[in-house]
PDB file of N, CA and C in Angstrom:
ATOM      1  N   MET A   1      -8.801   4.803 -36.933  1.00  0.00           N
ATOM      2  CA  MET A   1      -7.753   4.836 -35.806  1.00  0.00           C
ATOM      3  C   MET A   1      -8.020   3.175 -35.425  1.00  0.00           C
ATOM      4  N   ASP A   2      -7.089   2.537 -35.388  1.00  0.00           N
ATOM      5  CA  ASP A   2      -7.021   1.290 -35.195  1.00  0.00           C
ATOM      6  C   ASP A   2      -7.378   1.230 -33.591  1.00  0.00           C
ATOM      7  N   THR A   3      -8.262   0.271 -33.468  1.00  0.00           N
ATOM      8  CA  THR A   3      -8.864  -0.097 -31.930  1.00  0.00           C
ATOM      9  C   THR A   3      -7.812  -0.992 -31.054  1.00  0.00           C
ATOM     10  N   ARG A   4      -7.396  -2.045 -32.015  1.00  0.00           N
ATOM     11  CA  ARG A   4      -6.431  -3.151 -31.606  1.00  0.00           C
ATOM     12  C   ARG A   4      -4.980  -2.593 -30.991  1.00  0.00           C
ATOM     13  N   ASN A   5      -4.548  -1.294 -31.467  1.00  0.00           N
ATOM     14  CA  ASN A   5      -3.342  -0.651 -30.939  1.00  0.00           C
ATOM     15  C   ASN A   5      -3.584   0.204 -29.592  1.00  0.00           C
ATOM     16  N   ARG A   6      -4.726   0.810 -29.594  1.00  0.00           N
ATOM     17  CA  ARG A   6      -5.356   0.923 -28.533  1.00  0.00           C
ATOM     18  C   ARG A   6      -5.543   0.213 -26.981  1.00  0.00           C
ATOM     19  N   SER A   7      -6.067  -0.680 -27.595  1.00  0.00           N
ATOM     20  CA  SER A   7      -6.370  -1.943 -26.758  1.00  0.00           C
ATOM     21  C   SER A   7      -4.848  -2.364 -25.954  1.00  0.00           C
ATOM     22  N   ILE A   8      -4.143  -2.791 -27.150  1.00  0.00           N
ATOM     23  CA  ILE A   8      -2.479  -3.102 -26.399  1.00  0.00           C
ATOM     24  C   ILE A   8      -1.469  -1.903 -25.478  1.00  0.00           C
ATOM     25  N   ARG A   9      -2.142  -0.719 -25.612  1.00  0.00           N
ATOM     26  CA  ARG A   9      -1.400   0.203 -25.482  1.00  0.00           C
ATOM     27  C   ARG A   9      -2.098   0.465 -24.151  1.00  0.00           C
ATOM     28  N   LEU A  10      -3.659   0.248 -23.616  1.00  0.00           N
ATOM     29  CA  LEU A  10      -4.202   0.503 -22.483  1.00  0.00           C
ATOM     30  C   LEU A  10      -3.912  -0.992 -21.743  1.00  0.00           C
ATOM     31  N   ARG A  11      -3.455  -2.105 -22.051  1.00  0.00           N
ATOM     32  CA  ARG A  11      -2.805  -3.204 -21.282  1.00  0.00           C
ATOM     33  C   ARG A  11      -1.672  -2.863 -20.967  1.00  0.00           C
ATOM     34  N   MET A  12      -0.930  -2.059 -21.898  1.00  0.00           N
ATOM     35  CA  MET A  12       0.610  -2.163 -21.368  1.00  0.00           C
ATOM     36  C   MET A  12       0.572  -1.271 -20.045  1.00  0.00           C
ATOM     37  N   LEU A  13      -0.342  -0.012 -20.108  1.00  0.00           N
ATOM     38  CA  LEU A  13      -0.368   1.073 -19.333  1.00  0.00           C
ATOM     39  C   LEU A  13      -0.988   0.222 -17.809  1.00  0.00           C
ATOM     40  N   ALA A  14      -1.733  -0.302 -18.250  1.00  0.00           N
ATOM     41  CA  ALA A  14      -2.168  -1.351 -16.919  1.00  0.00           C
ATOM     42  C   ALA A  14      -1.288  -1.993 -16.309  1.00  0.00           C
ATOM     43  N   PHE A  15      -0.458  -2.559 -17.149  1.00  0.00           N
ATOM     44  CA  PHE A  15       0.569  -3.690 -16.363  1.00  0.00           C
ATOM     45  C   PHE A  15       1.519  -2.731 -16.014  1.00  0.00           C
ATOM     46  N   GLY A  16       1.781  -1.698 -16.296  1.00  0.00           N
ATOM     47  CA  GLY A  16       2.808  -0.703 -15.775  1.00  0.00           C
ATOM     48  C   GLY A  16       2.176  -0.392 -14.464  1.00  0.00           C
ATOM     49  N   VAL A  17       1.210   0.213 -14.289  1.00  0.00           N
ATOM     50  CA  VAL A  17       0.580   0.634 -13.051  1.00  0.00           C
ATOM     51  C   VAL A  17       0.441  -0.435 -11.874  1.00  0.00           C
ATOM     52  N   ILE A  18       0.235  -1.454 -12.207  1.00  0.00           N
ATOM     53  CA  ILE A  18       0.179  -2.764 -11.101  1.00  0.00           C
ATOM     54  C   ILE A  18       1.895  -2.948 -10.929  1.00  0.00           C
ATOM     55  N   GLY A  19       2.411  -3.014 -11.862  1.00  0.00           N
ATOM     56  CA  GLY A  19       3.932  -3.425 -11.580  1.00  0.00           C
ATOM     57  C   GLY A  19       4.486  -2.091 -10.965  1.00  0.00           C
ATOM     58  N   PHE A  20       4.018  -0.878 -11.249  1.00  0.00           N
ATOM     59  CA  PHE A  20       4.444   0.355 -10.197  1.00  0.00           C
ATOM     60  C   PHE A  20       4.236  -0.146  -8.761  1.00  0.00           C
ATOM     61  N   ALA A  21       2.935  -0.066  -8.808  1.00  0.00           N
ATOM     62  CA  ALA A  21       2.329  -0.406  -7.193  1.00  0.00           C
ATOM     63  C   ALA A  21       2.944  -1.689  -6.668  1.00  0.00           C
ATOM     64  N   ALA A  22       2.989  -2.578  -7.138  1.00  0.00           N
ATOM     65  CA  ALA A  22       3.948  -3.786  -6.560  1.00  0.00           C
ATOM     66  C   ALA A  22       5.377  -3.364  -6.128  1.00  0.00           C
ATOM     67  N   ALA A  23       6.089  -2.838  -6.759  1.00  0.00           N
ATOM     68  CA  ALA A  23       7.348  -2.369  -6.730  1.00  0.00           C
ATOM     69  C   ALA A  23       7.071  -1.582  -5.479  1.00  0.00           C
ATOM     70  N   LEU A  24       6.613  -0.497  -5.373  1.00  0.00           N
ATOM     71  CA  LEU A  24       6.262   0.576  -4.446  1.00  0.00           C
ATOM     72  C   LEU A  24       6.149  -0.433  -3.105  1.00  0.00           C
ATOM     73  N   THR A  25       4.886  -1.113  -2.914  1.00  0.00           N
ATOM     74  CA  THR A  25       4.535  -1.990  -1.755  1.00  0.00           C
ATOM     75  C   THR A  25       6.006  -2.840  -1.188  1.00  0.00           C
ATOM     76  N   ALA A  26       6.434  -3.502  -2.242  1.00  0.00           N
ATOM     77  CA  ALA A  26       7.575  -4.191  -1.966  1.00  0.00           C
ATOM     78  C   ALA A  26       8.651  -3.704  -1.152  1.00  0.00           C
ATOM     79  N   VAL A  27       8.735  -2.419  -1.659  1.00  0.00           N
ATOM     80  CA  VAL A  27       9.890  -1.342  -0.823  1.00  0.00           C
ATOM     81  C   VAL A  27       9.244  -0.847   0.146  1.00  0.00           C
ATOM     82  N   ALA A  28       8.023  -0.460   0.383  1.00  0.00           N
ATOM     83  CA  ALA A  28       7.695   0.128   1.718  1.00  0.00           C
ATOM     84  C   ALA A  28       7.389  -0.667   2.918  1.00  0.00           C
ATOM     85  N   ALA A  29       7.155  -2.120   2.268  1.00  0.00           N
ATOM     86  CA  ALA A  29       6.539  -2.706   3.738  1.00  0.00           C
ATOM     87  C   ALA A  29       7.566  -3.013   4.838  1.00  0.00           C
ATOM     88  N   PRO A  30       8.792  -3.408   4.523  1.00  0.00           N
ATOM     89  CA  PRO A  30       9.914  -3.705   5.552  1.00  0.00           C
ATOM     90  C   PRO A  30      10.389  -2.423   6.097  1.00  0.00           C
ATOM     91  N   GLN A  31       9.974  -1.058   5.852  1.00  0.00           N
ATOM     92  CA  GLN A  31      10.207   0.045   6.613  1.00  0.00           C
ATOM     93  C   GLN A  31       9.147  -0.055   7.718  1.00  0.00           C
ATOM     94  N   CYS A  32       7.911  -0.354   7.576  1.00  0.00           N
ATOM     95  CA  CYS A  32       6.738  -0.112   8.400  1.00  0.00           C
ATOM     96  C   CYS A  32       6.514  -1.073   9.527  1.00  0.00           C
ATOM     97  N   ASP A  33       7.070  -2.111   9.609  1.00  0.00           N
ATOM     98  CA  ASP A  33       7.053  -3.086  10.780  1.00  0.00           C
ATOM     99  C   ASP A  33       7.337  -2.590  11.959  1.00  0.00           C
ATOM    100  N   HIS A  34       8.098  -1.707  12.092  1.00  0.00           N
ATOM    101  CA  HIS A  34       8.593  -0.958  13.324  1.00  0.00           C
ATOM    102  C   HIS A  34       7.232  -0.220  13.895  1.00  0.00           C
ATOM    103  N   CYS A  35       6.616   0.606  12.947  1.00  0.00           N
ATOM    104  CA  CYS A  35       5.092   1.197  13.092  1.00  0.00           C
ATOM    105  C   CYS A  35       4.038   0.275  13.593  1.00  0.00           C
ATOM    106  N   LEU A  36       3.761  -1.051  12.884  1.00  0.00           N
ATOM    107  CA  LEU A  36       2.976  -1.737  13.223  1.00  0.00           C
ATOM    108  C   LEU A  36       2.900  -2.107  14.668  1.00  0.00           C
ATOM    109  N   THR A  37       4.383  -2.695  15.269  1.00  0.00           N
ATOM    110  CA  THR A  37       4.330  -3.005  16.187  1.00  0.00           C
ATOM    111  C   THR A  37       4.314  -2.075  17.575  1.00  0.00           C
ATOM    112  N   ARG A  38       4.632  -0.858  17.013  1.00  0.00           N
ATOM    113  CA  ARG A  38       4.202   0.481  18.305  1.00  0.00           C
ATOM    114  C   ARG A  38       2.648   0.433  18.290  1.00  0.00           C
ATOM    115  N   HIS A  39       1.795   0.658  16.777  1.00  0.00           N
ATOM    116  CA  HIS A  39       0.699   0.465  16.917  1.00  0.00           C
ATOM    117  C   HIS A  39      -0.255  -0.625  17.632  1.00  0.00           C
ATOM    118  N   TYR A  40       0.074  -1.690  17.376  1.00  0.00           N
ATOM    119  CA  TYR A  40      -0.242  -2.753  18.328  1.00  0.00           C
ATOM    120  C   TYR A  40      -0.136  -2.790  20.013  1.00  0.00           C
ATOM    121  N   ALA A  41       0.799  -2.140  20.093  1.00  0.00           N
ATOM    122  CA  ALA A  41       1.342  -2.039  21.632  1.00  0.00           C
ATOM    123  C   ALA A  41       0.261  -1.003  21.957  1.00  0.00           C
ATOM    124  N   CYS A  42       0.390   0.188  21.297  1.00  0.00           N
ATOM    125  CA  CYS A  42      -0.421   1.148  21.888  1.00  0.00           C
ATOM    126  C   CYS A  42      -2.218   0.889  21.730  1.00  0.00           C
ATOM    127  N   ARG A  43      -2.485   0.139  21.043  1.00  0.00           N
ATOM    128  CA  ARG A  43      -3.785  -0.903  21.239  1.00  0.00           C
ATOM    129  C   ARG A  43      -4.094  -1.545  22.437  1.00  0.00           C
ATOM    130  N   THR A  44      -3.138  -2.497  22.567  1.00  0.00           N
ATOM    131  CA  THR A  44      -2.853  -3.078  24.016  1.00  0.00           C
ATOM    132  C   THR A  44      -3.384  -2.417  25.126  1.00  0.00           C
ATOM    133  N   ASP A  45      -2.144  -0.994  25.470  1.00  0.00           N
ATOM    134  CA  ASP A  45      -2.278   0.089  26.592  1.00  0.00           C
ATOM    135  C   ASP A  45      -3.685   0.431  26.458  1.00  0.00           C
ATOM    136  N   ASN A  46      -4.449   0.749  25.639  1.00  0.00           N
ATOM    137  CA  ASN A  46      -5.602   1.559  25.444  1.00  0.00           C
ATOM    138  C   ASN A  46      -6.779   0.543  25.392  1.00  0.00           C
ATOM    139  N   SER A  47      -6.899  -0.714  25.599  1.00  0.00           N
ATOM    140  CA  SER A  47      -7.921  -1.542  25.585  1.00  0.00           C
ATOM    141  C   SER A  47      -8.531  -1.641  24.550  1.00  0.00           C
ATOM    142  N   GLY A  48      -7.791  -1.644  23.355  1.00  0.00           N
ATOM    143  CA  GLY A  48      -8.372  -2.025  21.932  1.00  0.00           C
ATOM    144  C   GLY A  48      -8.757  -0.462  21.557  1.00  0.00           C
ATOM    145  N   ASP A  49      -8.361   0.714  22.224  1.00  0.00           N
ATOM    146  CA  ASP A  49      -9.355   2.132  21.232  1.00  0.00           C
ATOM    147  C   ASP A  49      -8.332   2.178  20.514  1.00  0.00           C
ATOM    148  N   THR A  50      -8.472   2.601  19.220  1.00  0.00           N
ATOM    149  CA  THR A  50      -7.710   3.001  18.304  1.00  0.00           C
ATOM    150  C   THR A  50      -7.330   4.517  18.298  1.00  0.00           C
ATOM    151  N   GLN A  51      -8.482   5.213  18.639  1.00  0.00           N
ATOM    152  CA  GLN A  51      -8.130   6.729  18.713  1.00  0.00           C
ATOM    153  C   GLN A  51      -7.143   7.089  18.798  1.00  0.00           C
ATOM    154  N   PRO A  52      -6.630   6.737  20.303  1.00  0.00           N
ATOM    155  CA  PRO A  52      -5.251   7.568  20.623  1.00  0.00           C
ATOM    156  C   PRO A  52      -3.869   7.113  19.952  1.00  0.00           C
ATOM    157  N   CYS A  53      -3.955   5.784  19.139  1.00  0.00           N
ATOM    158  CA  CYS A  53      -2.988   5.169  18.616  1.00  0.00           C
ATOM    159  C   CYS A  53      -3.231   6.065  17.079  1.00  0.00           C
ATOM    160  N   LEU A  54      -4.178   6.292  16.701  1.00  0.00           N
ATOM    161  CA  LEU A  54      -4.077   7.400  15.271  1.00  0.00           C
ATOM    162  C   LEU A  54      -3.564   8.427  15.312  1.00  0.00           C
ATOM    163  N   GLU A  55      -3.701   9.354  16.336  1.00  0.00           N
ATOM    164  CA  GLU A  55      -3.269  10.618  16.760  1.00  0.00           C
ATOM    165  C   GLU A  55      -1.445  10.329  17.001  1.00  0.00           C
ATOM    166  N   LYS A  56      -1.094   9.431  17.234  1.00  0.00           N
ATOM    167  CA  LYS A  56       0.420   9.856  17.552  1.00  0.00           C
ATOM    168  C   LYS A  56       1.201   9.676  16.227  1.00  0.00           C
TER     169      LYS A  56
END
């Protein structure tokens, strides 16, 4: 078996996985801004205690 072809395939797979993760992050990020705003407001209301905010 040619190890050079295996190496190229592994690199292509790695780039594909990284590209997919980057695309997924780019799509999901704008939709979560309101969640972070509510989480930070909850932390402020609870004097920095994160536990009640994580249960919402």
